Structure formats: C-alpha cells, structure tokens
Amino acid sequence: MNIFCNHCKKNISKVEVWFLKDINNFTSRKLIYAVCPVCKEQIITLVEKRISDNKVFISKNISGINAVKTLYRERKRLVSQNFKIDVSDLFGWIYGVNKEIVNKKGEVTQVRQYSSDFFGNKKIVKKIKAK
C-alpha cells in the first residue's frame, strides 16, 4: 500500500497505523497516517470492511481539510497505534507460502518462500536453488 503526497509527488515510507473501534456497519478498521517530509501535509488512508458482505473499502491518500476532519473524527475511536512503520512491512496475521518454480521438463528448479498477509500482500523471504 503506497502513501503518496499529491502536492509534492513523493512516496512516503514511514507511517503510523491506528487500529480503530468497529462502528455500526464496518469492522477491521485501520487508519494509516503520514506527514509529508517536504510540505508537511497530513495524508491518511482509511481501510475498513463492511459487515454485511465482507467487502473491503480503501479510501486512499486523503489530504488537506478532509484528512484533518477524518483524524479528528476517528481519534475518539482509537484502540491502539503503531509508530514509524515502514510501508513495505506487512501488517496483520502473517503466514508462510512456498512457491515451486518448475522448468519445461517438470523439474523443480527453485523454491521461493514468501511471507504473506491476509490482504494479498507478499514479501519474499528467500529463494532456494534446487539441485
């Protein structure tokens, strides 16, 4: 998930993650908060899952007065927060995935081990060469 400052055209790498209380129709709520290092603009992304059909909604790169209003509204629902998280890190429950790379003869040439979260994000841990 990328946090992007529209004003400076910069990707932001360090963020805060706020875990929020559930509301009437939504659960698994997270607010990702960052401040642009160049222009000092506040940028947020809100991730929440609708209870009725388990559809995930992501409101990306909210900035300006809308970000301030959202931060003010959601701070009373704050359960916990993590500071200075690198955007490339995975969050939530993480599990391991092994992926075999097979050549045209049907032989396994390489095994790639990934750590993955339940949001579809993957991060390669290591590559193992087969003999």
N, C-alpha and C. Protein backbone atom coordinates (compact mmCIF):
# COMPACT_ATOMS: atom_id res chain seq x y z
N MET A 1 0.85 -1.17 0.00
CA MET A 1 0.00 0.00 0.00
C MET A 1 0.89 1.23 0.00
N ASN A 2 0.72 2.11 -0.95
CA ASN A 2 1.55 3.30 -1.08
C ASN A 2 0.82 4.51 -0.51
N ILE A 3 1.56 5.31 0.25
CA ILE A 3 1.08 6.60 0.70
C ILE A 3 1.81 7.62 -0.17
N PHE A 4 1.05 8.45 -0.86
CA PHE A 4 1.60 9.34 -1.88
C PHE A 4 1.13 10.76 -1.60
N CYS A 5 2.05 11.71 -1.59
CA CYS A 5 1.71 13.13 -1.43
C CYS A 5 1.43 13.70 -2.82
N ASN A 6 0.19 14.09 -3.05
CA ASN A 6 -0.18 14.64 -4.35
C ASN A 6 0.46 16.00 -4.60
N HIS A 7 0.72 16.75 -3.55
CA HIS A 7 1.29 18.08 -3.68
C HIS A 7 2.75 18.03 -4.13
N CYS A 8 3.55 17.16 -3.47
CA CYS A 8 4.99 17.07 -3.76
C CYS A 8 5.35 15.94 -4.72
N LYS A 9 4.38 15.09 -5.03
CA LYS A 9 4.61 13.92 -5.89
C LYS A 9 5.66 12.99 -5.29
N LYS A 10 5.59 12.75 -3.98
CA LYS A 10 6.55 11.91 -3.28
C LYS A 10 5.83 10.74 -2.61
N ASN A 11 6.46 9.56 -2.65
CA ASN A 11 6.00 8.43 -1.86
C ASN A 11 6.54 8.59 -0.44
N ILE A 12 5.73 8.26 0.55
CA ILE A 12 6.13 8.39 1.94
C ILE A 12 6.36 6.99 2.49
N SER A 13 7.51 6.80 3.15
CA SER A 13 7.86 5.45 3.59
C SER A 13 7.54 5.18 5.05
N LYS A 14 7.54 6.17 5.93
CA LYS A 14 7.27 5.96 7.35
C LYS A 14 5.87 6.45 7.69
N VAL A 15 5.08 5.57 8.31
CA VAL A 15 3.69 5.89 8.63
C VAL A 15 3.35 5.45 10.06
N GLU A 16 2.21 5.91 10.54
CA GLU A 16 1.60 5.42 11.77
C GLU A 16 0.38 4.61 11.37
N VAL A 17 0.11 3.54 12.09
CA VAL A 17 -1.10 2.76 11.85
C VAL A 17 -1.97 2.85 13.09
N TRP A 18 -3.20 3.32 12.92
CA TRP A 18 -4.16 3.40 14.02
C TRP A 18 -5.15 2.26 13.84
N PHE A 19 -5.37 1.49 14.88
CA PHE A 19 -6.41 0.46 14.87
C PHE A 19 -7.63 1.06 15.56
N LEU A 20 -8.76 1.04 14.86
CA LEU A 20 -9.95 1.75 15.30
C LEU A 20 -11.04 0.78 15.76
N LYS A 21 -11.94 1.29 16.62
CA LYS A 21 -13.09 0.51 17.06
C LYS A 21 -14.04 0.29 15.89
N ASP A 22 -14.78 -0.81 15.97
CA ASP A 22 -15.81 -1.08 14.96
C ASP A 22 -16.94 -0.08 15.11
N ILE A 23 -17.59 0.22 13.99
CA ILE A 23 -18.80 1.05 14.02
C ILE A 23 -19.96 0.21 13.51
N ASN A 24 -21.13 0.79 13.38
CA ASN A 24 -22.35 0.04 13.06
C ASN A 24 -22.21 -0.91 11.89
N ASN A 25 -21.74 -0.46 10.76
CA ASN A 25 -21.71 -1.28 9.56
C ASN A 25 -20.33 -1.77 9.16
N PHE A 26 -19.28 -1.34 9.87
CA PHE A 26 -17.91 -1.65 9.45
C PHE A 26 -17.09 -2.24 10.59
N THR A 27 -16.16 -3.14 10.22
CA THR A 27 -15.27 -3.79 11.16
C THR A 27 -13.86 -3.80 10.59
N SER A 28 -12.89 -4.27 11.34
CA SER A 28 -11.48 -4.36 10.91
C SER A 28 -10.99 -3.02 10.36
N ARG A 29 -11.19 -1.98 11.15
CA ARG A 29 -10.89 -0.62 10.68
C ARG A 29 -9.46 -0.23 11.04
N LYS A 30 -8.73 0.31 10.05
CA LYS A 30 -7.37 0.80 10.23
C LYS A 30 -7.25 2.15 9.54
N LEU A 31 -6.52 3.04 10.17
CA LEU A 31 -6.22 4.33 9.58
C LEU A 31 -4.70 4.43 9.48
N ILE A 32 -4.20 4.68 8.29
CA ILE A 32 -2.77 4.81 8.05
C ILE A 32 -2.49 6.29 7.88
N TYR A 33 -1.65 6.82 8.76
CA TYR A 33 -1.42 8.26 8.87
C TYR A 33 0.04 8.59 8.58
N ALA A 34 0.26 9.60 7.74
CA ALA A 34 1.62 10.03 7.41
C ALA A 34 1.66 11.54 7.25
N VAL A 35 2.85 12.09 7.42
CA VAL A 35 3.08 13.51 7.19
C VAL A 35 4.18 13.61 6.14
N CYS A 36 3.91 14.38 5.10
CA CYS A 36 4.89 14.55 4.02
C CYS A 36 6.14 15.24 4.58
N PRO A 37 7.33 14.67 4.34
CA PRO A 37 8.55 15.30 4.86
C PRO A 37 8.91 16.61 4.16
N VAL A 38 8.35 16.85 2.98
CA VAL A 38 8.69 18.06 2.23
C VAL A 38 7.74 19.21 2.57
N CYS A 39 6.43 18.99 2.37
CA CYS A 39 5.47 20.08 2.55
C CYS A 39 4.71 20.00 3.87
N LYS A 40 4.95 18.95 4.67
CA LYS A 40 4.33 18.75 6.00
C LYS A 40 2.82 18.60 5.93
N GLU A 41 2.29 18.17 4.79
CA GLU A 41 0.86 17.93 4.66
C GLU A 41 0.51 16.58 5.27
N GLN A 42 -0.63 16.51 5.98
CA GLN A 42 -1.10 15.26 6.57
C GLN A 42 -1.83 14.45 5.50
N ILE A 43 -1.49 13.16 5.43
CA ILE A 43 -2.09 12.27 4.44
C ILE A 43 -2.54 11.02 5.17
N ILE A 44 -3.77 10.58 4.88
CA ILE A 44 -4.28 9.37 5.54
C ILE A 44 -4.90 8.43 4.51
N THR A 45 -4.95 7.16 4.90
CA THR A 45 -5.67 6.14 4.15
C THR A 45 -6.50 5.37 5.15
N LEU A 46 -7.79 5.20 4.89
CA LEU A 46 -8.70 4.50 5.78
C LEU A 46 -9.09 3.18 5.15
N VAL A 47 -8.90 2.08 5.89
CA VAL A 47 -9.23 0.74 5.42
C VAL A 47 -10.27 0.17 6.37
N GLU A 48 -11.39 -0.30 5.83
CA GLU A 48 -12.44 -0.88 6.65
C GLU A 48 -13.21 -1.93 5.86
N LYS A 49 -13.80 -2.89 6.60
CA LYS A 49 -14.53 -3.98 5.96
C LYS A 49 -16.00 -3.90 6.35
N ARG A 50 -16.90 -3.93 5.34
CA ARG A 50 -18.33 -3.87 5.60
C ARG A 50 -18.80 -5.21 6.15
N ILE A 51 -19.60 -5.19 7.20
CA ILE A 51 -20.05 -6.40 7.88
C ILE A 51 -21.01 -7.22 7.02
N SER A 52 -21.90 -6.58 6.29
CA SER A 52 -22.95 -7.29 5.57
C SER A 52 -22.41 -8.22 4.49
N ASP A 53 -21.38 -7.81 3.75
CA ASP A 53 -20.88 -8.65 2.65
C ASP A 53 -19.36 -8.85 2.66
N ASN A 54 -18.70 -8.43 3.73
CA ASN A 54 -17.24 -8.57 3.89
C ASN A 54 -16.43 -7.88 2.79
N LYS A 55 -16.99 -6.87 2.16
CA LYS A 55 -16.27 -6.11 1.14
C LYS A 55 -15.35 -5.10 1.83
N VAL A 56 -14.10 -5.02 1.37
CA VAL A 56 -13.11 -4.11 1.95
C VAL A 56 -13.12 -2.79 1.18
N PHE A 57 -13.20 -1.70 1.92
CA PHE A 57 -13.17 -0.36 1.33
C PHE A 57 -11.86 0.31 1.73
N ILE A 58 -11.17 0.89 0.74
CA ILE A 58 -9.92 1.59 0.98
C ILE A 58 -10.06 3.01 0.43
N SER A 59 -10.02 3.99 1.34
CA SER A 59 -10.03 5.40 0.94
C SER A 59 -8.59 5.87 0.96
N LYS A 60 -7.97 6.00 -0.21
CA LYS A 60 -6.54 6.26 -0.31
C LYS A 60 -6.21 7.73 -0.37
N ASN A 61 -5.07 8.08 0.22
CA ASN A 61 -4.40 9.37 0.08
C ASN A 61 -5.33 10.57 0.28
N ILE A 62 -6.06 10.56 1.38
CA ILE A 62 -6.90 11.70 1.74
C ILE A 62 -5.98 12.76 2.34
N SER A 63 -6.09 13.99 1.86
CA SER A 63 -5.22 15.05 2.37
C SER A 63 -6.02 16.33 2.55
N GLY A 64 -5.36 17.34 3.08
CA GLY A 64 -5.99 18.64 3.26
C GLY A 64 -7.00 18.64 4.39
N ILE A 65 -8.06 19.40 4.22
CA ILE A 65 -9.07 19.57 5.27
C ILE A 65 -9.83 18.26 5.52
N ASN A 66 -10.00 17.44 4.48
CA ASN A 66 -10.67 16.15 4.67
C ASN A 66 -9.86 15.23 5.57
N ALA A 67 -8.54 15.27 5.47
CA ALA A 67 -7.69 14.46 6.35
C ALA A 67 -7.81 14.94 7.79
N VAL A 68 -7.81 16.25 7.99
CA VAL A 68 -7.92 16.80 9.35
C VAL A 68 -9.26 16.42 9.96
N LYS A 69 -10.35 16.54 9.19
CA LYS A 69 -11.67 16.17 9.70
C LYS A 69 -11.74 14.69 10.05
N THR A 70 -11.18 13.84 9.20
CA THR A 70 -11.20 12.40 9.45
C THR A 70 -10.37 12.05 10.68
N LEU A 71 -9.20 12.65 10.84
CA LEU A 71 -8.37 12.41 12.02
C LEU A 71 -9.09 12.84 13.29
N TYR A 72 -9.74 13.98 13.26
CA TYR A 72 -10.47 14.48 14.43
C TYR A 72 -11.64 13.55 14.78
N ARG A 73 -12.35 13.06 13.76
CA ARG A 73 -13.49 12.17 13.98
C ARG A 73 -13.06 10.81 14.49
N GLU A 74 -11.97 10.28 13.98
CA GLU A 74 -11.56 8.91 14.31
C GLU A 74 -10.69 8.81 15.56
N ARG A 75 -10.13 9.90 16.05
CA ARG A 75 -9.24 9.79 17.21
C ARG A 75 -9.98 9.31 18.46
N LYS A 76 -11.29 9.55 18.55
CA LYS A 76 -12.05 9.06 19.71
C LYS A 76 -12.35 7.56 19.59
N ARG A 77 -12.14 6.96 18.42
CA ARG A 77 -12.34 5.52 18.22
C ARG A 77 -11.02 4.75 18.24
N LEU A 78 -9.93 5.41 18.56
CA LEU A 78 -8.60 4.81 18.56
C LEU A 78 -8.48 3.75 19.65
N VAL A 79 -8.07 2.55 19.26
CA VAL A 79 -7.84 1.46 20.21
C VAL A 79 -6.35 1.36 20.51
N SER A 80 -5.52 1.29 19.48
CA SER A 80 -4.07 1.27 19.64
C SER A 80 -3.43 1.82 18.38
N GLN A 81 -2.14 2.11 18.47
CA GLN A 81 -1.43 2.63 17.30
C GLN A 81 0.01 2.16 17.33
N ASN A 82 0.58 2.04 16.14
CA ASN A 82 1.98 1.68 15.95
C ASN A 82 2.67 2.84 15.25
N PHE A 83 3.85 3.23 15.76
CA PHE A 83 4.55 4.39 15.23
C PHE A 83 5.66 3.98 14.28
N LYS A 84 5.93 4.83 13.31
CA LYS A 84 7.06 4.74 12.38
C LYS A 84 7.21 3.34 11.78
N ILE A 85 6.16 2.89 11.16
CA ILE A 85 6.18 1.61 10.47
C ILE A 85 6.59 1.86 9.02
N ASP A 86 7.45 1.02 8.51
CA ASP A 86 7.85 1.13 7.12
C ASP A 86 6.70 0.62 6.25
N VAL A 87 6.35 1.34 5.21
CA VAL A 87 5.21 1.00 4.36
C VAL A 87 5.38 -0.38 3.72
N SER A 88 6.61 -0.79 3.47
CA SER A 88 6.83 -2.07 2.80
C SER A 88 6.61 -3.25 3.75
N ASP A 89 6.49 -3.00 5.07
CA ASP A 89 6.24 -4.09 6.02
C ASP A 89 4.81 -4.58 5.89
N LEU A 90 4.63 -5.86 6.21
CA LEU A 90 3.30 -6.44 6.20
C LEU A 90 2.65 -6.21 7.54
N PHE A 91 1.32 -6.16 7.56
CA PHE A 91 0.64 -5.98 8.83
C PHE A 91 -0.50 -6.97 8.95
N GLY A 92 -0.88 -7.27 10.17
CA GLY A 92 -1.93 -8.26 10.42
C GLY A 92 -1.30 -9.63 10.62
N TRP A 93 -2.10 -10.65 10.54
CA TRP A 93 -1.61 -12.01 10.66
C TRP A 93 -0.79 -12.35 9.43
N ILE A 94 0.36 -12.99 9.63
CA ILE A 94 1.26 -13.32 8.53
C ILE A 94 1.46 -14.83 8.50
N TYR A 95 1.43 -15.41 7.31
CA TYR A 95 1.65 -16.84 7.15
C TYR A 95 2.66 -17.06 6.04
N GLY A 96 3.24 -18.26 5.99
CA GLY A 96 4.26 -18.57 5.01
C GLY A 96 3.69 -19.26 3.78
N VAL A 97 4.27 -18.97 2.62
CA VAL A 97 3.86 -19.59 1.36
C VAL A 97 5.13 -20.06 0.65
N ASN A 98 5.15 -21.31 0.23
CA ASN A 98 6.25 -21.83 -0.58
C ASN A 98 5.77 -21.98 -2.01
N LYS A 99 6.52 -21.43 -2.94
CA LYS A 99 6.16 -21.49 -4.36
C LYS A 99 7.28 -22.19 -5.11
N GLU A 100 6.94 -23.27 -5.81
CA GLU A 100 7.93 -24.02 -6.58
C GLU A 100 7.98 -23.51 -8.01
N ILE A 101 9.17 -23.31 -8.52
CA ILE A 101 9.38 -22.91 -9.91
C ILE A 101 9.81 -24.16 -10.67
N VAL A 102 9.02 -24.50 -11.70
CA VAL A 102 9.23 -25.74 -12.45
C VAL A 102 9.66 -25.39 -13.87
N ASN A 103 10.67 -26.11 -14.39
CA ASN A 103 11.11 -25.88 -15.77
C ASN A 103 10.22 -26.68 -16.74
N LYS A 104 10.55 -26.65 -18.03
CA LYS A 104 9.72 -27.31 -19.05
C LYS A 104 9.74 -28.82 -18.94
N LYS A 105 10.78 -29.39 -18.32
CA LYS A 105 10.87 -30.84 -18.14
C LYS A 105 10.07 -31.33 -16.92
N GLY A 106 9.52 -30.41 -16.16
CA GLY A 106 8.75 -30.78 -14.98
C GLY A 106 9.58 -30.89 -13.72
N GLU A 107 10.83 -30.43 -13.76
CA GLU A 107 11.71 -30.50 -12.61
C GLU A 107 11.64 -29.19 -11.82
N VAL A 108 11.68 -29.30 -10.51
CA VAL A 108 11.68 -28.12 -9.65
C VAL A 108 13.09 -27.53 -9.67
N THR A 109 13.18 -26.27 -10.11
CA THR A 109 14.49 -25.62 -10.20
C THR A 109 14.72 -24.65 -9.05
N GLN A 110 13.65 -24.18 -8.46
CA GLN A 110 13.80 -23.19 -7.40
C GLN A 110 12.56 -23.21 -6.52
N VAL A 111 12.75 -22.95 -5.22
CA VAL A 111 11.64 -22.78 -4.29
C VAL A 111 11.75 -21.39 -3.71
N ARG A 112 10.67 -20.62 -3.81
CA ARG A 112 10.65 -19.27 -3.25
C ARG A 112 9.75 -19.27 -2.03
N GLN A 113 10.26 -18.74 -0.94
CA GLN A 113 9.48 -18.67 0.29
C GLN A 113 9.03 -17.22 0.50
N TYR A 114 7.73 -17.04 0.69
CA TYR A 114 7.14 -15.73 0.90
C TYR A 114 6.50 -15.68 2.29
N SER A 115 6.49 -14.48 2.86
CA SER A 115 5.60 -14.24 3.99
C SER A 115 4.46 -13.41 3.40
N SER A 116 3.25 -13.74 3.79
CA SER A 116 2.08 -13.12 3.18
C SER A 116 1.08 -12.75 4.26
N ASP A 117 0.33 -11.66 4.04
CA ASP A 117 -0.73 -11.32 4.97
C ASP A 117 -2.07 -11.60 4.30
N PHE A 118 -3.14 -11.43 5.06
CA PHE A 118 -4.47 -11.78 4.55
C PHE A 118 -5.08 -10.70 3.67
N PHE A 119 -4.31 -9.65 3.35
CA PHE A 119 -4.78 -8.60 2.46
C PHE A 119 -4.20 -8.76 1.06
N GLY A 120 -3.49 -9.88 0.81
CA GLY A 120 -2.94 -10.15 -0.51
C GLY A 120 -1.53 -9.62 -0.71
N ASN A 121 -0.94 -9.01 0.32
CA ASN A 121 0.43 -8.51 0.20
C ASN A 121 1.40 -9.65 0.45
N LYS A 122 2.47 -9.71 -0.36
CA LYS A 122 3.50 -10.73 -0.21
C LYS A 122 4.86 -10.07 -0.15
N LYS A 123 5.75 -10.68 0.61
CA LYS A 123 7.12 -10.20 0.70
C LYS A 123 8.02 -11.43 0.65
N ILE A 124 8.96 -11.45 -0.31
CA ILE A 124 9.81 -12.62 -0.47
C ILE A 124 10.81 -12.68 0.68
N VAL A 125 10.94 -13.86 1.26
CA VAL A 125 11.86 -14.07 2.36
C VAL A 125 13.18 -14.60 1.83
N LYS A 126 13.13 -15.70 1.05
CA LYS A 126 14.36 -16.21 0.46
C LYS A 126 14.05 -17.11 -0.73
N LYS A 127 15.07 -17.30 -1.58
CA LYS A 127 14.99 -18.18 -2.73
C LYS A 127 15.95 -19.34 -2.48
N ILE A 128 15.47 -20.55 -2.74
CA ILE A 128 16.29 -21.75 -2.54
C ILE A 128 16.48 -22.41 -3.89
N LYS A 129 17.72 -22.63 -4.28
CA LYS A 129 18.03 -23.30 -5.54
C LYS A 129 17.91 -24.80 -5.32
N ALA A 130 17.23 -25.47 -6.23
CA ALA A 130 17.13 -26.93 -6.19
C ALA A 130 18.34 -27.54 -6.89
N LYS A 131 18.69 -28.74 -6.49
CA LYS A 131 19.86 -29.42 -7.08
C LYS A 131 19.53 -30.06 -8.39
